[in-house]
Each structure stands twice: as structure tokens, then as C-alpha cells.
Amino acid sequence: MKFKSFTTDSQLKAITLPQDTKELIIKDESTPNLIVRIRPNSKTFLCRIKINGKIKKYTIMK
């Protein structure tokens, strides 16, 4: 997992998928539960929350 900051729209648009990589997962330093998943044709936000001791992942679509 690679740590970067993507707090602004321009920072998020500047992140590209390296060649020969199917998926890139980036956690934002300022918001630890927010993750962005970058695939060749999409960028998806994930929210990771701990509820009753179990970690739940929710996909946030745009």
C-alpha cells in the first residue's frame, strides 16, 4: 500500500496507474479511513470502518 495525499481534485487526477499494474490502492495521510482504488478504467473511493470489532469496507461510487 502506497501512502500519498489526495485531498484536492487536482492531486487525485494527477495519480496515474503504473504500467503492468492492474490496481493501485492509496490511503490518504490526513484521513486514515478513506482509501482510493485506481484501476485502468476507474477510480473508486473506499471507506473502512470498524464496527463491533469487525472491519467493514464500503464502496463510495461517483
PDB file of N, CA and C in Angstrom:
ATOM      1  N   MET A   1       0.839  -1.167   0.000  1.00  0.00           N
ATOM      2  CA  MET A   1       0.000   0.000   0.000  1.00  0.00           C
ATOM      3  C   MET A   1       0.889   1.235   0.000  1.00  0.00           C
ATOM      4  N   LYS A   2       0.579   2.161  -0.858  1.00  0.00           N
ATOM      5  CA  LYS A   2       1.376   3.362  -1.009  1.00  0.00           C
ATOM      6  C   LYS A   2       0.650   4.531  -0.351  1.00  0.00           C
ATOM      7  N   PHE A   3       1.358   5.333   0.405  1.00  0.00           N
ATOM      8  CA  PHE A   3       0.743   6.444   1.122  1.00  0.00           C
ATOM      9  C   PHE A   3       1.013   7.749   0.382  1.00  0.00           C
ATOM     10  N   LYS A   4      -0.031   8.459   0.052  1.00  0.00           N
ATOM     11  CA  LYS A   4       0.037   9.758  -0.602  1.00  0.00           C
ATOM     12  C   LYS A   4      -1.085  10.600  -0.047  1.00  0.00           C
ATOM     13  N   SER A   5      -1.155  11.797  -0.531  1.00  0.00           N
ATOM     14  CA  SER A   5      -2.263  12.654  -0.161  1.00  0.00           C
ATOM     15  C   SER A   5      -3.072  12.954  -1.416  1.00  0.00           C
ATOM     16  N   PHE A   6      -4.371  12.854  -1.315  1.00  0.00           N
ATOM     17  CA  PHE A   6      -5.235  13.182  -2.453  1.00  0.00           C
ATOM     18  C   PHE A   6      -6.406  14.031  -1.984  1.00  0.00           C
ATOM     19  N   THR A   7      -6.078  15.047  -1.195  1.00  0.00           N
ATOM     20  CA  THR A   7      -7.121  15.870  -0.594  1.00  0.00           C
ATOM     21  C   THR A   7      -7.770  16.843  -1.576  1.00  0.00           C
ATOM     22  N   THR A   8      -7.141  17.116  -2.697  1.00  0.00           N
ATOM     23  CA  THR A   8      -7.751  18.004  -3.687  1.00  0.00           C
ATOM     24  C   THR A   8      -8.019  17.242  -4.979  1.00  0.00           C
ATOM     25  N   ASP A   9      -8.907  17.772  -5.777  1.00  0.00           N
ATOM     26  CA  ASP A   9      -9.265  17.137  -7.034  1.00  0.00           C
ATOM     27  C   ASP A   9      -8.064  17.053  -7.975  1.00  0.00           C
ATOM     28  N   SER A  10      -7.252  18.097  -8.023  1.00  0.00           N
ATOM     29  CA  SER A  10      -6.093  18.080  -8.917  1.00  0.00           C
ATOM     30  C   SER A  10      -5.065  17.034  -8.487  1.00  0.00           C
ATOM     31  N   GLN A  11      -4.902  16.815  -7.178  1.00  0.00           N
ATOM     32  CA  GLN A  11      -3.993  15.768  -6.707  1.00  0.00           C
ATOM     33  C   GLN A  11      -4.517  14.386  -7.095  1.00  0.00           C
ATOM     34  N   LEU A  12      -5.800  14.186  -6.998  1.00  0.00           N
ATOM     35  CA  LEU A  12      -6.388  12.907  -7.361  1.00  0.00           C
ATOM     36  C   LEU A  12      -6.261  12.639  -8.859  1.00  0.00           C
ATOM     37  N   LYS A  13      -6.485  13.658  -9.670  1.00  0.00           N
ATOM     38  CA  LYS A  13      -6.367  13.498 -11.122  1.00  0.00           C
ATOM     39  C   LYS A  13      -4.922  13.243 -11.553  1.00  0.00           C
ATOM     40  N   ALA A  14      -3.953  13.716 -10.776  1.00  0.00           N
ATOM     41  CA  ALA A  14      -2.547  13.551 -11.128  1.00  0.00           C
ATOM     42  C   ALA A  14      -2.030  12.134 -10.865  1.00  0.00           C
ATOM     43  N   ILE A  15      -2.738  11.363 -10.067  1.00  0.00           N
ATOM     44  CA  ILE A  15      -2.313  10.000  -9.764  1.00  0.00           C
ATOM     45  C   ILE A  15      -2.645   9.104 -10.949  1.00  0.00           C
ATOM     46  N   THR A  16      -1.646   8.413 -11.458  1.00  0.00           N
ATOM     47  CA  THR A  16      -1.849   7.525 -12.590  1.00  0.00           C
ATOM     48  C   THR A  16      -1.429   6.109 -12.220  1.00  0.00           C
ATOM     49  N   LEU A  17      -1.948   5.162 -12.940  1.00  0.00           N
ATOM     50  CA  LEU A  17      -1.647   3.762 -12.725  1.00  0.00           C
ATOM     51  C   LEU A  17      -0.359   3.408 -13.454  1.00  0.00           C
ATOM     52  N   PRO A  18       0.656   2.877 -12.755  1.00  0.00           N
ATOM     53  CA  PRO A  18       1.895   2.485 -13.435  1.00  0.00           C
ATOM     54  C   PRO A  18       1.640   1.365 -14.447  1.00  0.00           C
ATOM     55  N   GLN A  19       2.487   1.290 -15.449  1.00  0.00           N
ATOM     56  CA  GLN A  19       2.340   0.242 -16.461  1.00  0.00           C
ATOM     57  C   GLN A  19       2.488  -1.127 -15.810  1.00  0.00           C
ATOM     58  N   ASP A  20       1.841  -2.116 -16.395  1.00  0.00           N
ATOM     59  CA  ASP A  20       1.857  -3.506 -15.924  1.00  0.00           C
ATOM     60  C   ASP A  20       1.299  -3.657 -14.513  1.00  0.00           C
ATOM     61  N   THR A  21       0.447  -2.730 -14.076  1.00  0.00           N
ATOM     62  CA  THR A  21      -0.198  -2.808 -12.768  1.00  0.00           C
ATOM     63  C   THR A  21      -1.706  -2.824 -12.993  1.00  0.00           C
ATOM     64  N   LYS A  22      -2.394  -3.778 -12.374  1.00  0.00           N
ATOM     65  CA  LYS A  22      -3.840  -3.889 -12.544  1.00  0.00           C
ATOM     66  C   LYS A  22      -4.602  -3.001 -11.570  1.00  0.00           C
ATOM     67  N   GLU A  23      -4.019  -2.763 -10.396  1.00  0.00           N
ATOM     68  CA  GLU A  23      -4.720  -1.998  -9.364  1.00  0.00           C
ATOM     69  C   GLU A  23      -3.723  -1.301  -8.459  1.00  0.00           C
ATOM     70  N   LEU A  24      -4.070  -0.090  -8.036  1.00  0.00           N
ATOM     71  CA  LEU A  24      -3.257   0.684  -7.106  1.00  0.00           C
ATOM     72  C   LEU A  24      -4.167   1.156  -5.986  1.00  0.00           C
ATOM     73  N   ILE A  25      -3.751   0.903  -4.742  1.00  0.00           N
ATOM     74  CA  ILE A  25      -4.539   1.310  -3.577  1.00  0.00           C
ATOM     75  C   ILE A  25      -3.738   2.370  -2.828  1.00  0.00           C
ATOM     76  N   ILE A  26      -4.381   3.519  -2.563  1.00  0.00           N
ATOM     77  CA  ILE A  26      -3.700   4.625  -1.892  1.00  0.00           C
ATOM     78  C   ILE A  26      -4.528   5.067  -0.692  1.00  0.00           C
ATOM     79  N   LYS A  27      -3.877   5.179   0.461  1.00  0.00           N
ATOM     80  CA  LYS A  27      -4.525   5.698   1.669  1.00  0.00           C
ATOM     81  C   LYS A  27      -4.111   7.155   1.828  1.00  0.00           C
ATOM     82  N   ASP A  28      -5.045   7.992   2.180  1.00  0.00           N
ATOM     83  CA  ASP A  28      -4.759   9.403   2.406  1.00  0.00           C
ATOM     84  C   ASP A  28      -4.194   9.581   3.815  1.00  0.00           C
ATOM     85  N   GLU A  29      -3.125  10.342   3.930  1.00  0.00           N
ATOM     86  CA  GLU A  29      -2.473  10.562   5.224  1.00  0.00           C
ATOM     87  C   GLU A  29      -3.364  11.341   6.190  1.00  0.00           C
ATOM     88  N   SER A  30      -4.148  12.268   5.675  1.00  0.00           N
ATOM     89  CA  SER A  30      -4.956  13.113   6.553  1.00  0.00           C
ATOM     90  C   SER A  30      -6.289  12.469   6.959  1.00  0.00           C
ATOM     91  N   THR A  31      -6.749  11.469   6.214  1.00  0.00           N
ATOM     92  CA  THR A  31      -7.997  10.778   6.520  1.00  0.00           C
ATOM     93  C   THR A  31      -7.727   9.276   6.494  1.00  0.00           C
ATOM     94  N   PRO A  32      -7.390   8.675   7.637  1.00  0.00           N
ATOM     95  CA  PRO A  32      -6.923   7.287   7.642  1.00  0.00           C
ATOM     96  C   PRO A  32      -7.949   6.245   7.188  1.00  0.00           C
ATOM     97  N   ASN A  33      -9.232   6.533   7.263  1.00  0.00           N
ATOM     98  CA  ASN A  33     -10.232   5.547   6.860  1.00  0.00           C
ATOM     99  C   ASN A  33     -10.680   5.686   5.412  1.00  0.00           C
ATOM    100  N   LEU A  34     -10.130   6.646   4.684  1.00  0.00           N
ATOM    101  CA  LEU A  34     -10.505   6.861   3.294  1.00  0.00           C
ATOM    102  C   LEU A  34      -9.417   6.309   2.380  1.00  0.00           C
ATOM    103  N   ILE A  35      -9.829   5.471   1.433  1.00  0.00           N
ATOM    104  CA  ILE A  35      -8.902   4.810   0.514  1.00  0.00           C
ATOM    105  C   ILE A  35      -9.398   5.068  -0.902  1.00  0.00           C
ATOM    106  N   VAL A  36      -8.486   5.251  -1.838  1.00  0.00           N
ATOM    107  CA  VAL A  36      -8.867   5.333  -3.246  1.00  0.00           C
ATOM    108  C   VAL A  36      -8.232   4.139  -3.962  1.00  0.00           C
ATOM    109  N   ARG A  37      -9.054   3.464  -4.769  1.00  0.00           N
ATOM    110  CA  ARG A  37      -8.593   2.313  -5.553  1.00  0.00           C
ATOM    111  C   ARG A  37      -8.595   2.727  -7.018  1.00  0.00           C
ATOM    112  N   ILE A  38      -7.440   2.640  -7.643  1.00  0.00           N
ATOM    113  CA  ILE A  38      -7.295   3.059  -9.033  1.00  0.00           C
ATOM    114  C   ILE A  38      -7.104   1.818  -9.897  1.00  0.00           C
ATOM    115  N   ARG A  39      -7.958   1.690 -10.892  1.00  0.00           N
ATOM    116  CA  ARG A  39      -7.887   0.612 -11.870  1.00  0.00           C
ATOM    117  C   ARG A  39      -7.756   1.251 -13.243  1.00  0.00           C
ATOM    118  N   PRO A  40      -7.473   0.482 -14.286  1.00  0.00           N
ATOM    119  CA  PRO A  40      -7.266   1.083 -15.606  1.00  0.00           C
ATOM    120  C   PRO A  40      -8.395   1.996 -16.093  1.00  0.00           C
ATOM    121  N   ASN A  41      -9.644   1.672 -15.748  1.00  0.00           N
ATOM    122  CA  ASN A  41     -10.765   2.469 -16.258  1.00  0.00           C
ATOM    123  C   ASN A  41     -11.556   3.202 -15.185  1.00  0.00           C
ATOM    124  N   SER A  42     -11.098   3.157 -13.929  1.00  0.00           N
ATOM    125  CA  SER A  42     -11.904   3.791 -12.887  1.00  0.00           C
ATOM    126  C   SER A  42     -11.080   4.167 -11.663  1.00  0.00           C
ATOM    127  N   LYS A  43     -11.626   5.101 -10.899  1.00  0.00           N
ATOM    128  CA  LYS A  43     -11.103   5.474  -9.584  1.00  0.00           C
ATOM    129  C   LYS A  43     -12.280   5.383  -8.622  1.00  0.00           C
ATOM    130  N   THR A  44     -12.128   4.566  -7.577  1.00  0.00           N
ATOM    131  CA  THR A  44     -13.205   4.306  -6.637  1.00  0.00           C
ATOM    132  C   THR A  44     -12.742   4.636  -5.231  1.00  0.00           C
ATOM    133  N   PHE A  45     -13.620   5.242  -4.450  1.00  0.00           N
ATOM    134  CA  PHE A  45     -13.319   5.525  -3.047  1.00  0.00           C
ATOM    135  C   PHE A  45     -13.854   4.397  -2.181  1.00  0.00           C
ATOM    136  N   LEU A  46     -13.090   4.036  -1.158  1.00  0.00           N
ATOM    137  CA  LEU A  46     -13.499   3.037  -0.183  1.00  0.00           C
ATOM    138  C   LEU A  46     -13.409   3.664   1.198  1.00  0.00           C
ATOM    139  N   CYS A  47     -14.360   3.348   2.041  1.00  0.00           N
ATOM    140  CA  CYS A  47     -14.359   3.813   3.417  1.00  0.00           C
ATOM    141  C   CYS A  47     -14.254   2.572   4.302  1.00  0.00           C
ATOM    142  N   ARG A  48     -13.280   2.544   5.183  1.00  0.00           N
ATOM    143  CA  ARG A  48     -13.061   1.400   6.063  1.00  0.00           C
ATOM    144  C   ARG A  48     -13.419   1.803   7.482  1.00  0.00           C
ATOM    145  N   ILE A  49     -14.378   1.084   8.080  1.00  0.00           N
ATOM    146  CA  ILE A  49     -14.880   1.419   9.410  1.00  0.00           C
ATOM    147  C   ILE A  49     -14.879   0.165  10.280  1.00  0.00           C
ATOM    148  N   LYS A  50     -14.517   0.343  11.540  1.00  0.00           N
ATOM    149  CA  LYS A  50     -14.568  -0.763  12.490  1.00  0.00           C
ATOM    150  C   LYS A  50     -15.866  -0.666  13.281  1.00  0.00           C
ATOM    151  N   ILE A  51     -16.714  -1.703  13.179  1.00  0.00           N
ATOM    152  CA  ILE A  51     -17.990  -1.758  13.876  1.00  0.00           C
ATOM    153  C   ILE A  51     -18.035  -3.055  14.682  1.00  0.00           C
ATOM    154  N   ASN A  52     -18.227  -2.920  15.997  1.00  0.00           N
ATOM    155  CA  ASN A  52     -18.284  -4.076  16.893  1.00  0.00           C
ATOM    156  C   ASN A  52     -17.071  -4.994  16.739  1.00  0.00           C
ATOM    157  N   GLY A  53     -15.903  -4.408  16.550  1.00  0.00           N
ATOM    158  CA  GLY A  53     -14.670  -5.183  16.447  1.00  0.00           C
ATOM    159  C   GLY A  53     -14.406  -5.783  15.076  1.00  0.00           C
ATOM    160  N   LYS A  54     -15.294  -5.573  14.111  1.00  0.00           N
ATOM    161  CA  LYS A  54     -15.111  -6.112  12.761  1.00  0.00           C
ATOM    162  C   LYS A  54     -14.919  -4.960  11.781  1.00  0.00           C
ATOM    163  N   ILE A  55     -13.984  -5.137  10.860  1.00  0.00           N
ATOM    164  CA  ILE A  55     -13.718  -4.101   9.869  1.00  0.00           C
ATOM    165  C   ILE A  55     -14.666  -4.284   8.687  1.00  0.00           C
ATOM    166  N   LYS A  56     -15.362  -3.216   8.338  1.00  0.00           N
ATOM    167  CA  LYS A  56     -16.277  -3.196   7.201  1.00  0.00           C
ATOM    168  C   LYS A  56     -15.713  -2.243   6.153  1.00  0.00           C
ATOM    169  N   LYS A  57     -15.812  -2.614   4.873  1.00  0.00           N
ATOM    170  CA  LYS A  57     -15.403  -1.750   3.772  1.00  0.00           C
ATOM    171  C   LYS A  57     -16.640  -1.368   2.969  1.00  0.00           C
ATOM    172  N   TYR A  58     -16.794  -0.084   2.735  1.00  0.00           N
ATOM    173  CA  TYR A  58     -17.905   0.420   1.942  1.00  0.00           C
ATOM    174  C   TYR A  58     -17.358   1.131   0.721  1.00  0.00           C
ATOM    175  N   THR A  59     -17.924   0.829  -0.425  1.00  0.00           N
ATOM    176  CA  THR A  59     -17.529   1.457  -1.674  1.00  0.00           C
ATOM    177  C   THR A  59     -18.355   2.715  -1.876  1.00  0.00           C
ATOM    178  N   ILE A  60     -17.687   3.794  -2.217  1.00  0.00           N
ATOM    179  CA  ILE A  60     -18.355   5.061  -2.480  1.00  0.00           C
ATOM    180  C   ILE A  60     -18.200   5.332  -3.982  1.00  0.00           C
ATOM    181  N   MET A  61     -19.284   5.226  -4.708  1.00  0.00           N
ATOM    182  CA  MET A  61     -19.247   5.415  -6.159  1.00  0.00           C
ATOM    183  C   MET A  61     -19.550   6.866  -6.486  1.00  0.00           C
ATOM    184  N   LYS A  62     -19.047   7.321  -7.606  1.00  0.00           N
ATOM    185  CA  LYS A  62     -19.383   8.672  -8.027  1.00  0.00           C
ATOM    186  C   LYS A  62     -20.336   8.661  -9.177  1.00  0.00           C
TER     187      LYS A  62
END
